[in-house]
C-alpha atoms as a PDB file:
ATOM      1  CA  UNK A   1      11.846  70.397  72.653  1.00  0.00           C
ATOM      2  CA  UNK A   2      11.578  67.148  71.794  1.00  0.00           C
ATOM      3  CA  UNK A   3      14.389  65.437  69.324  1.00  0.00           C
ATOM      4  CA  UNK A   4      11.556  65.070  66.553  1.00  0.00           C
ATOM      5  CA  UNK A   5       9.726  67.755  67.303  1.00  0.00           C
ATOM      6  CA  UNK A   6      13.138  69.583  66.457  1.00  0.00           C
ATOM      7  CA  UNK A   7      13.835  68.024  63.246  1.00  0.00           C
ATOM      8  CA  UNK A   8      10.168  69.191  61.643  1.00  0.00           C
ATOM      9  CA  UNK A   9      11.645  73.080  63.336  1.00  0.00           C
ATOM     10  CA  UNK A  10      14.310  72.560  61.079  1.00  0.00           C
ATOM     11  CA  UNK A  11      12.561  71.102  58.387  1.00  0.00           C
ATOM     12  CA  UNK A  12       9.276  74.097  58.777  1.00  0.00           C
ATOM     13  CA  UNK A  13      11.865  77.102  58.532  1.00  0.00           C
ATOM     14  CA  UNK A  14      12.081  78.868  55.876  1.00  0.00           C
ATOM     15  CA  UNK A  15      14.207  81.459  56.639  1.00  0.00           C
ATOM     16  CA  UNK A  16      17.604  79.677  55.535  1.00  0.00           C
ATOM     17  CA  UNK A  17      20.161  81.510  57.443  1.00  0.00           C
ATOM     18  CA  UNK A  18      18.156  80.485  60.279  1.00  0.00           C
ATOM     19  CA  UNK A  19      17.133  77.345  59.442  1.00  0.00           C
ATOM     20  CA  UNK A  20      21.344  76.712  58.827  1.00  0.00           C
ATOM     21  CA  UNK A  21      21.838  78.505  62.161  1.00  0.00           C
ATOM     22  CA  UNK A  22      19.413  76.208  64.202  1.00  0.00           C
ATOM     23  CA  UNK A  23      20.209  72.583  62.569  1.00  0.00           C
ATOM     24  CA  UNK A  24      23.924  73.600  63.708  1.00  0.00           C
ATOM     25  CA  UNK A  25      22.757  73.920  67.205  1.00  0.00           C
ATOM     26  CA  UNK A  26      20.301  70.586  67.199  1.00  0.00           C
ATOM     27  CA  UNK A  27      23.459  69.244  65.471  1.00  0.00           C
ATOM     28  CA  UNK A  28      26.313  69.720  67.750  1.00  0.00           C
ATOM     29  CA  UNK A  29      23.844  68.958  70.446  1.00  0.00           C
ATOM     30  CA  UNK A  30      22.641  65.356  69.063  1.00  0.00           C
ATOM     31  CA  UNK A  31      26.733  64.479  68.600  1.00  0.00           C
ATOM     32  CA  UNK A  32      27.237  65.952  72.227  1.00  0.00           C
ATOM     33  CA  UNK A  33      24.086  63.576  73.690  1.00  0.00           C
ATOM     34  CA  UNK A  34      24.307  60.382  73.964  1.00  0.00           C
ATOM     35  CA  UNK A  35      21.290  59.328  75.459  1.00  0.00           C
ATOM     36  CA  UNK A  36      18.754  60.143  73.094  1.00  0.00           C
ATOM     37  CA  UNK A  37      15.459  57.793  72.919  1.00  0.00           C
ATOM     38  CA  UNK A  38      14.190  57.655  69.428  1.00  0.00           C
ATOM     39  CA  UNK A  39      10.043  56.984  70.459  1.00  0.00           C
ATOM     40  CA  UNK A  40       7.924  59.511  69.222  1.00  0.00           C
ATOM     41  CA  UNK A  41       5.987  61.455  71.910  1.00  0.00           C
ATOM     42  CA  UNK A  42       4.417  63.826  69.985  1.00  0.00           C
ATOM     43  CA  UNK A  43       2.122  63.076  66.960  1.00  0.00           C
ATOM     44  CA  UNK A  44       3.570  62.403  63.699  1.00  0.00           C
ATOM     45  CA  UNK A  45       3.178  65.333  60.610  1.00  0.00           C
ATOM     46  CA  UNK A  46       2.434  64.258  57.215  1.00  0.00           C
ATOM     47  CA  UNK A  47       3.680  65.868  54.812  1.00  0.00           C
ATOM     48  CA  UNK A  48       1.559  68.952  52.935  1.00  0.00           C
ATOM     49  CA  UNK A  49       4.122  71.933  51.463  1.00  0.00           C
ATOM     50  CA  UNK A  50       7.708  72.337  50.935  1.00  0.00           C
ATOM     51  CA  UNK A  51       9.428  74.732  52.903  1.00  0.00           C
ATOM     52  CA  UNK A  52      10.921  76.714  49.837  1.00  0.00           C
ATOM     53  CA  UNK A  53       7.320  77.118  48.324  1.00  0.00           C
ATOM     54  CA  UNK A  54       7.570  80.478  50.828  1.00  0.00           C
ATOM     55  CA  UNK A  55      10.451  82.065  48.395  1.00  0.00           C
ATOM     56  CA  UNK A  56      10.570  80.060  45.312  1.00  0.00           C
ATOM     57  CA  UNK A  57       7.800  79.655  42.326  1.00  0.00           C
ATOM     58  CA  UNK A  58       6.415  75.716  42.067  1.00  0.00           C
ATOM     59  CA  UNK A  59       5.463  73.755  39.530  1.00  0.00           C
ATOM     60  CA  UNK A  60       5.205  70.730  39.207  1.00  0.00           C
ATOM     61  CA  UNK A  61       7.811  69.504  36.900  1.00  0.00           C
ATOM     62  CA  UNK A  62       5.677  68.903  33.521  1.00  0.00           C
ATOM     63  CA  UNK A  63       5.339  72.297  33.721  1.00  0.00           C
ATOM     64  CA  UNK A  64       7.899  73.732  34.265  1.00  0.00           C
ATOM     65  CA  UNK A  65       9.098  76.019  31.652  1.00  0.00           C
ATOM     66  CA  UNK A  66      12.157  74.109  29.333  1.00  0.00           C
ATOM     67  CA  UNK A  67      12.541  77.117  26.668  1.00  0.00           C
ATOM     68  CA  UNK A  68      15.308  79.082  28.044  1.00  0.00           C
ATOM     69  CA  UNK A  69      17.459  81.798  25.793  1.00  0.00           C
ATOM     70  CA  UNK A  70      20.812  80.635  25.449  1.00  0.00           C
ATOM     71  CA  UNK A  71      22.270  83.376  27.359  1.00  0.00           C
ATOM     72  CA  UNK A  72      20.598  82.162  30.436  1.00  0.00           C
ATOM     73  CA  UNK A  73      20.852  78.579  30.301  1.00  0.00           C
ATOM     74  CA  UNK A  74      24.674  78.580  32.319  1.00  0.00           C
ATOM     75  CA  UNK A  75      22.522  80.479  35.160  1.00  0.00           C
ATOM     76  CA  UNK A  76      19.468  78.053  35.221  1.00  0.00           C
ATOM     77  CA  UNK A  77      21.358  75.549  35.448  1.00  0.00           C
ATOM     78  CA  UNK A  78      22.563  76.287  38.595  1.00  0.00           C
ATOM     79  CA  UNK A  79      19.748  77.359  40.198  1.00  0.00           C
ATOM     80  CA  UNK A  80      18.805  73.796  39.006  1.00  0.00           C
ATOM     81  CA  UNK A  81      21.836  71.778  41.779  1.00  0.00           C
ATOM     82  CA  UNK A  82      21.198  74.531  44.253  1.00  0.00           C
ATOM     83  CA  UNK A  83      16.968  73.419  43.841  1.00  0.00           C
ATOM     84  CA  UNK A  84      18.078  69.896  43.986  1.00  0.00           C
ATOM     85  CA  UNK A  85      20.992  70.556  46.870  1.00  0.00           C
ATOM     86  CA  UNK A  86      18.052  72.682  49.066  1.00  0.00           C
ATOM     87  CA  UNK A  87      15.669  69.970  48.655  1.00  0.00           C
ATOM     88  CA  UNK A  88      18.536  67.299  49.580  1.00  0.00           C
ATOM     89  CA  UNK A  89      18.598  69.279  52.894  1.00  0.00           C
ATOM     90  CA  UNK A  90      15.064  68.215  53.707  1.00  0.00           C
ATOM     91  CA  UNK A  91      15.083  65.144  52.693  1.00  0.00           C
ATOM     92  CA  UNK A  92      17.875  64.013  54.936  1.00  0.00           C
ATOM     93  CA  UNK A  93      15.976  65.553  57.529  1.00  0.00           C
ATOM     94  CA  UNK A  94      12.668  64.044  56.764  1.00  0.00           C
ATOM     95  CA  UNK A  95      14.036  60.647  56.896  1.00  0.00           C
ATOM     96  CA  UNK A  96      15.371  61.051  60.612  1.00  0.00           C
ATOM     97  CA  UNK A  97      11.862  62.378  61.540  1.00  0.00           C
ATOM     98  CA  UNK A  98       9.649  60.832  59.623  1.00  0.00           C
ATOM     99  CA  UNK A  99      10.937  57.216  60.865  1.00  0.00           C
ATOM    100  CA  UNK A 100      11.247  56.485  64.819  1.00  0.00           C
ATOM    101  CA  UNK A 101      11.729  53.834  67.119  1.00  0.00           C
ATOM    102  CA  UNK A 102      15.752  52.953  64.916  1.00  0.00           C
ATOM    103  CA  UNK A 103      18.980  52.493  66.232  1.00  0.00           C
ATOM    104  CA  UNK A 104      21.026  55.480  67.182  1.00  0.00           C
ATOM    105  CA  UNK A 105      23.079  54.719  63.504  1.00  0.00           C
ATOM    106  CA  UNK A 106      20.090  55.610  61.230  1.00  0.00           C
ATOM    107  CA  UNK A 107      20.176  59.264  62.731  1.00  0.00           C
ATOM    108  CA  UNK A 108      23.611  59.958  62.195  1.00  0.00           C
ATOM    109  CA  UNK A 109      23.926  58.762  59.166  1.00  0.00           C
ATOM    110  CA  UNK A 110      20.910  60.808  57.672  1.00  0.00           C
ATOM    111  CA  UNK A 111      21.773  63.776  60.514  1.00  0.00           C
ATOM    112  CA  UNK A 112      25.332  63.622  58.700  1.00  0.00           C
ATOM    113  CA  UNK A 113      23.677  63.775  55.216  1.00  0.00           C
ATOM    114  CA  UNK A 114      21.586  67.266  56.116  1.00  0.00           C
ATOM    115  CA  UNK A 115      25.253  68.584  57.431  1.00  0.00           C
ATOM    116  CA  UNK A 116      26.782  67.545  53.731  1.00  0.00           C
ATOM    117  CA  UNK A 117      24.370  68.835  51.878  1.00  0.00           C
ATOM    118  CA  UNK A 118      23.790  72.281  53.259  1.00  0.00           C
ATOM    119  CA  UNK A 119      27.859  73.096  53.059  1.00  0.00           C
ATOM    120  CA  UNK A 120      27.006  71.200  49.294  1.00  0.00           C
ATOM    121  CA  UNK A 121      23.905  73.859  48.943  1.00  0.00           C
ATOM    122  CA  UNK A 122      26.471  77.101  49.892  1.00  0.00           C
ATOM    123  CA  UNK A 123      29.270  76.293  48.106  1.00  0.00           C
ATOM    124  CA  UNK A 124      26.032  76.332  44.858  1.00  0.00           C
ATOM    125  CA  UNK A 125      24.536  79.862  46.322  1.00  0.00           C
ATOM    126  CA  UNK A 126      28.254  81.366  46.298  1.00  0.00           C
ATOM    127  CA  UNK A 127      27.942  80.453  42.656  1.00  0.00           C
ATOM    128  CA  UNK A 128      24.705  82.237  42.053  1.00  0.00           C
ATOM    129  CA  UNK A 129      25.336  85.062  43.719  1.00  0.00           C
ATOM    130  CA  UNK A 130      28.564  86.094  42.274  1.00  0.00           C
ATOM    131  CA  UNK A 131      26.402  86.112  38.637  1.00  0.00           C
ATOM    132  CA  UNK A 132      23.903  88.328  40.459  1.00  0.00           C
ATOM    133  CA  UNK A 133      21.552  85.512  41.471  1.00  0.00           C
ATOM    134  CA  UNK A 134      19.928  83.840  44.649  1.00  0.00           C
ATOM    135  CA  UNK A 135      18.263  80.746  44.922  1.00  0.00           C
ATOM    136  CA  UNK A 136      14.819  81.407  44.857  1.00  0.00           C
ATOM    137  CA  UNK A 137      14.852  83.377  41.496  1.00  0.00           C
ATOM    138  CA  UNK A 138      13.802  81.158  38.941  1.00  0.00           C
ATOM    139  CA  UNK A 139      10.963  78.933  39.174  1.00  0.00           C
ATOM    140  CA  UNK A 140      11.361  75.061  40.594  1.00  0.00           C
ATOM    141  CA  UNK A 141       9.775  71.882  40.501  1.00  0.00           C
ATOM    142  CA  UNK A 142       8.544  70.020  43.268  1.00  0.00           C
ATOM    143  CA  UNK A 143       9.381  66.309  42.175  1.00  0.00           C
ATOM    144  CA  UNK A 144      11.537  65.443  45.317  1.00  0.00           C
ATOM    145  CA  UNK A 145       8.689  66.695  47.726  1.00  0.00           C
ATOM    146  CA  UNK A 146       6.546  64.996  45.358  1.00  0.00           C
ATOM    147  CA  UNK A 147       8.465  61.255  45.928  1.00  0.00           C
ATOM    148  CA  UNK A 148       8.467  61.579  49.548  1.00  0.00           C
ATOM    149  CA  UNK A 149       5.281  61.993  49.719  1.00  0.00           C
ATOM    150  CA  UNK A 150       4.752  58.847  47.974  1.00  0.00           C
ATOM    151  CA  UNK A 151       7.128  57.320  50.494  1.00  0.00           C
ATOM    152  CA  UNK A 152       6.269  58.689  53.869  1.00  0.00           C
ATOM    153  CA  UNK A 153       4.457  55.574  54.903  1.00  0.00           C
ATOM    154  CA  UNK A 154       7.100  53.456  54.593  1.00  0.00           C
ATOM    155  CA  UNK A 155      10.673  52.946  55.549  1.00  0.00           C
ATOM    156  CA  UNK A 156      11.698  50.371  52.578  1.00  0.00           C
ATOM    157  CA  UNK A 157      10.271  52.645  50.006  1.00  0.00           C
ATOM    158  CA  UNK A 158      11.639  56.353  50.796  1.00  0.00           C
ATOM    159  CA  UNK A 159      14.995  54.394  51.393  1.00  0.00           C
ATOM    160  CA  UNK A 160      14.578  52.465  47.773  1.00  0.00           C
ATOM    161  CA  UNK A 161      13.066  55.663  45.654  1.00  0.00           C
ATOM    162  CA  UNK A 162      15.153  58.686  47.739  1.00  0.00           C
ATOM    163  CA  UNK A 163      18.569  58.101  47.863  1.00  0.00           C
ATOM    164  CA  UNK A 164      18.876  54.729  45.703  1.00  0.00           C
ATOM    165  CA  UNK A 165      17.335  55.292  43.560  1.00  0.00           C
ATOM    166  CA  UNK A 166      17.235  59.105  42.435  1.00  0.00           C
ATOM    167  CA  UNK A 167      19.904  60.256  44.047  1.00  0.00           C
ATOM    168  CA  UNK A 168      22.021  57.025  42.287  1.00  0.00           C
ATOM    169  CA  UNK A 169      20.436  58.887  39.256  1.00  0.00           C
ATOM    170  CA  UNK A 170      22.248  62.390  40.212  1.00  0.00           C
ATOM    171  CA  UNK A 171      25.289  60.304  40.441  1.00  0.00           C
ATOM    172  CA  UNK A 172      24.788  58.838  36.684  1.00  0.00           C
ATOM    173  CA  UNK A 173      23.931  62.321  36.352  1.00  0.00           C
ATOM    174  CA  UNK A 174      26.606  64.216  37.660  1.00  0.00           C
ATOM    175  CA  UNK A 175      29.919  62.242  36.076  1.00  0.00           C
ATOM    176  CA  UNK A 176      28.143  62.764  33.135  1.00  0.00           C
ATOM    177  CA  UNK A 177      27.934  66.674  33.433  1.00  0.00           C
ATOM    178  CA  UNK A 178      31.247  66.867  34.969  1.00  0.00           C
ATOM    179  CA  UNK A 179      32.621  65.360  32.090  1.00  0.00           C
ATOM    180  CA  UNK A 180      30.390  67.696  29.533  1.00  0.00           C
ATOM    181  CA  UNK A 181      31.850  70.862  30.965  1.00  0.00           C
ATOM    182  CA  UNK A 182      35.507  69.340  31.334  1.00  0.00           C
ATOM    183  CA  UNK A 183      35.049  69.246  27.652  1.00  0.00           C
ATOM    184  CA  UNK A 184      33.908  72.521  26.730  1.00  0.00           C
ATOM    185  CA  UNK A 185      35.722  74.802  29.164  1.00  0.00           C
ATOM    186  CA  UNK A 186      33.627  75.192  31.914  1.00  0.00           C
ATOM    187  CA  UNK A 187      32.986  76.949  34.934  1.00  0.00           C
ATOM    188  CA  UNK A 188      36.397  75.574  37.401  1.00  0.00           C
ATOM    189  CA  UNK A 189      34.323  76.243  40.466  1.00  0.00           C
ATOM    190  CA  UNK A 190      31.662  74.719  39.534  1.00  0.00           C
ATOM    191  CA  UNK A 191      33.178  71.549  38.206  1.00  0.00           C
ATOM    192  CA  UNK A 192      35.335  71.799  41.393  1.00  0.00           C
ATOM    193  CA  UNK A 193      31.718  72.530  43.401  1.00  0.00           C
ATOM    194  CA  UNK A 194      30.392  68.894  41.513  1.00  0.00           C
ATOM    195  CA  UNK A 195      33.124  66.550  42.130  1.00  0.00           C
ATOM    196  CA  UNK A 196      32.436  67.360  45.758  1.00  0.00           C
ATOM    197  CA  UNK A 197      29.483  67.093  45.603  1.00  0.00           C
ATOM    198  CA  UNK A 198      29.956  63.411  43.487  1.00  0.00           C
ATOM    199  CA  UNK A 199      32.010  62.172  45.479  1.00  0.00           C
ATOM    200  CA  UNK A 200      30.288  62.403  48.945  1.00  0.00           C
ATOM    201  CA  UNK A 201      27.159  62.120  47.834  1.00  0.00           C
ATOM    202  CA  UNK A 202      28.871  58.229  47.310  1.00  0.00           C
ATOM    203  CA  UNK A 203      28.386  57.981  50.919  1.00  0.00           C
ATOM    204  CA  UNK A 204      24.787  59.213  50.627  1.00  0.00           C
ATOM    205  CA  UNK A 205      23.363  56.411  47.980  1.00  0.00           C
ATOM    206  CA  UNK A 206      25.871  54.076  50.325  1.00  0.00           C
ATOM    207  CA  UNK A 207      23.566  55.128  53.612  1.00  0.00           C
ATOM    208  CA  UNK A 208      20.637  54.614  51.980  1.00  0.00           C
ATOM    209  CA  UNK A 209      21.391  51.293  49.999  1.00  0.00           C
ATOM    210  CA  UNK A 210      22.707  50.049  54.145  1.00  0.00           C
ATOM    211  CA  UNK A 211      19.150  51.210  56.077  1.00  0.00           C
ATOM    212  CA  UNK A 212      16.952  49.809  52.678  1.00  0.00           C
ATOM    213  CA  UNK A 213      18.774  46.512  53.425  1.00  0.00           C
ATOM    214  CA  UNK A 214      18.143  46.712  57.702  1.00  0.00           C
ATOM    215  CA  UNK A 215      14.151  47.711  56.190  1.00  0.00           C
ATOM    216  CA  UNK A 216      13.967  44.525  54.193  1.00  0.00           C
ATOM    217  CA  UNK A 217      15.513  42.407  56.589  1.00  0.00           C
ATOM    218  CA  UNK A 218      13.118  43.901  59.377  1.00  0.00           C
ATOM    219  CA  UNK A 219      10.452  42.899  57.006  1.00  0.00           C
ATOM    220  CA  UNK A 220      11.413  39.979  55.697  1.00  0.00           C
ATOM    221  CA  UNK A 221      11.470  41.142  51.626  1.00  0.00           C
ATOM    222  CA  UNK A 222      14.367  40.858  49.733  1.00  0.00           C
ATOM    223  CA  UNK A 223      16.673  43.588  48.155  1.00  0.00           C
ATOM    224  CA  UNK A 224      15.546  41.983  45.310  1.00  0.00           C
ATOM    225  CA  UNK A 225      12.649  43.380  45.685  1.00  0.00           C
ATOM    226  CA  UNK A 226      14.134  46.798  44.595  1.00  0.00           C
ATOM    227  CA  UNK A 227      13.655  46.983  40.943  1.00  0.00           C
ATOM    228  CA  UNK A 228      10.128  46.553  41.961  1.00  0.00           C
ATOM    229  CA  UNK A 229       9.394  49.258  44.790  1.00  0.00           C
ATOM    230  CA  UNK A 230      10.815  51.530  42.913  1.00  0.00           C
ATOM    231  CA  UNK A 231       8.379  50.488  39.767  1.00  0.00           C
ATOM    232  CA  UNK A 232       5.199  49.871  41.968  1.00  0.00           C
ATOM    233  CA  UNK A 233       5.690  53.520  42.700  1.00  0.00           C
ATOM    234  CA  UNK A 234       7.258  55.378  39.529  1.00  0.00           C
ATOM    235  CA  UNK A 235       6.382  52.842  36.543  1.00  0.00           C
ATOM    236  CA  UNK A 236       8.725  54.110  33.953  1.00  0.00           C
ATOM    237  CA  UNK A 237      11.395  53.868  36.446  1.00  0.00           C
ATOM    238  CA  UNK A 238      14.672  52.238  35.000  1.00  0.00           C
ATOM    239  CA  UNK A 239      13.417  53.002  31.524  1.00  0.00           C
ATOM    240  CA  UNK A 240      14.732  56.009  30.274  1.00  0.00           C
ATOM    241  CA  UNK A 241      18.813  55.148  28.562  1.00  0.00           C
ATOM    242  CA  UNK A 242      21.657  56.329  29.931  1.00  0.00           C
ATOM    243  CA  UNK A 243      25.346  55.764  31.073  1.00  0.00           C
ATOM    244  CA  UNK A 244      24.945  54.082  34.663  1.00  0.00           C
ATOM    245  CA  UNK A 245      28.192  55.574  36.864  1.00  0.00           C
ATOM    246  CA  UNK A 246      29.279  51.910  37.945  1.00  0.00           C
ATOM    247  CA  UNK A 247      32.217  52.159  39.573  1.00  0.00           C
ATOM    248  CA  UNK A 248      30.677  54.143  41.853  1.00  0.00           C
ATOM    249  CA  UNK A 249      27.508  53.096  42.357  1.00  0.00           C
ATOM    250  CA  UNK A 250      29.367  49.803  42.806  1.00  0.00           C
ATOM    251  CA  UNK A 251      31.343  51.485  45.777  1.00  0.00           C
ATOM    252  CA  UNK A 252      27.702  52.869  46.971  1.00  0.00           C
ATOM    253  CA  UNK A 253      26.220  49.021  47.629  1.00  0.00           C
ATOM    254  CA  UNK A 254      24.764  48.010  44.397  1.00  0.00           C
ATOM    255  CA  UNK A 255      26.156  44.571  43.046  1.00  0.00           C
ATOM    256  CA  UNK A 256      26.489  44.244  39.537  1.00  0.00           C
ATOM    257  CA  UNK A 257      23.804  41.835  38.845  1.00  0.00           C
ATOM    258  CA  UNK A 258      21.321  44.886  39.533  1.00  0.00           C
ATOM    259  CA  UNK A 259      23.547  47.160  37.701  1.00  0.00           C
ATOM    260  CA  UNK A 260      23.513  44.812  34.573  1.00  0.00           C
ATOM    261  CA  UNK A 261      18.957  44.131  35.034  1.00  0.00           C
ATOM    262  CA  UNK A 262      18.695  47.707  35.338  1.00  0.00           C
ATOM    263  CA  UNK A 263      20.892  48.179  32.205  1.00  0.00           C
ATOM    264  CA  UNK A 264      18.604  45.660  30.672  1.00  0.00           C
ATOM    265  CA  UNK A 265      15.579  47.105  31.607  1.00  0.00           C
ATOM    266  CA  UNK A 266      16.922  50.316  29.949  1.00  0.00           C
ATOM    267  CA  UNK A 267      16.943  48.271  26.877  1.00  0.00           C
ATOM    268  CA  UNK A 268      13.737  46.471  26.266  1.00  0.00           C
ATOM    269  CA  UNK A 269      11.607  49.942  27.636  1.00  0.00           C
END
């Protein structure tokens, strides 16, 4: 099977055990084969439905039930983390599938991210299982899939929105949640898993930063257009007031000037 067709097959696979075993074999073959041609030989398939729709009840983000009994909030939160991590697997795989003719390093980066995200998902799934829950037991939203569809025709938009905006926001949120859980004496296993995720997702945002700037150079667009690109897709972006995880964002490729601009946008919105 051709490189891009194999990735598409993994993206569309909804049997989790089979999905992960197919990816493991594909990834090993990819690393061993240095002569791959990254020119697409079969037509590109548009995004239609997320594979998790086959085993999850999926709603729009605005329709997700926020009224959860206090005793159930913790397990629903862990399930929401599992959903983010599962979605992130296909986000990374779609980055490799959707854009052809790029340097091998591009595909190396996003397949490595997919491998990380599978490991993250399995860590969170194990915590769910210890609480008698599996991924798909609760309703999930399709917000990240919508973001994929919005950016399926542009490498610049994809890299700006998914890793460099949404996953960078995750750096902020994750650091805040870890701090809060530690203060409240939260689940040690969950805290450890979130710390692993936070540490490794710095590199994911960094990869997005690298390929965003690569695409900008290729298309002769200034990287300083980043905020405008994101706000063109989501006009309310950067408007919420949050504490930025500045140290990790700087490690991931943001400049101090960018961080100041983001903070100023939050203050004036």
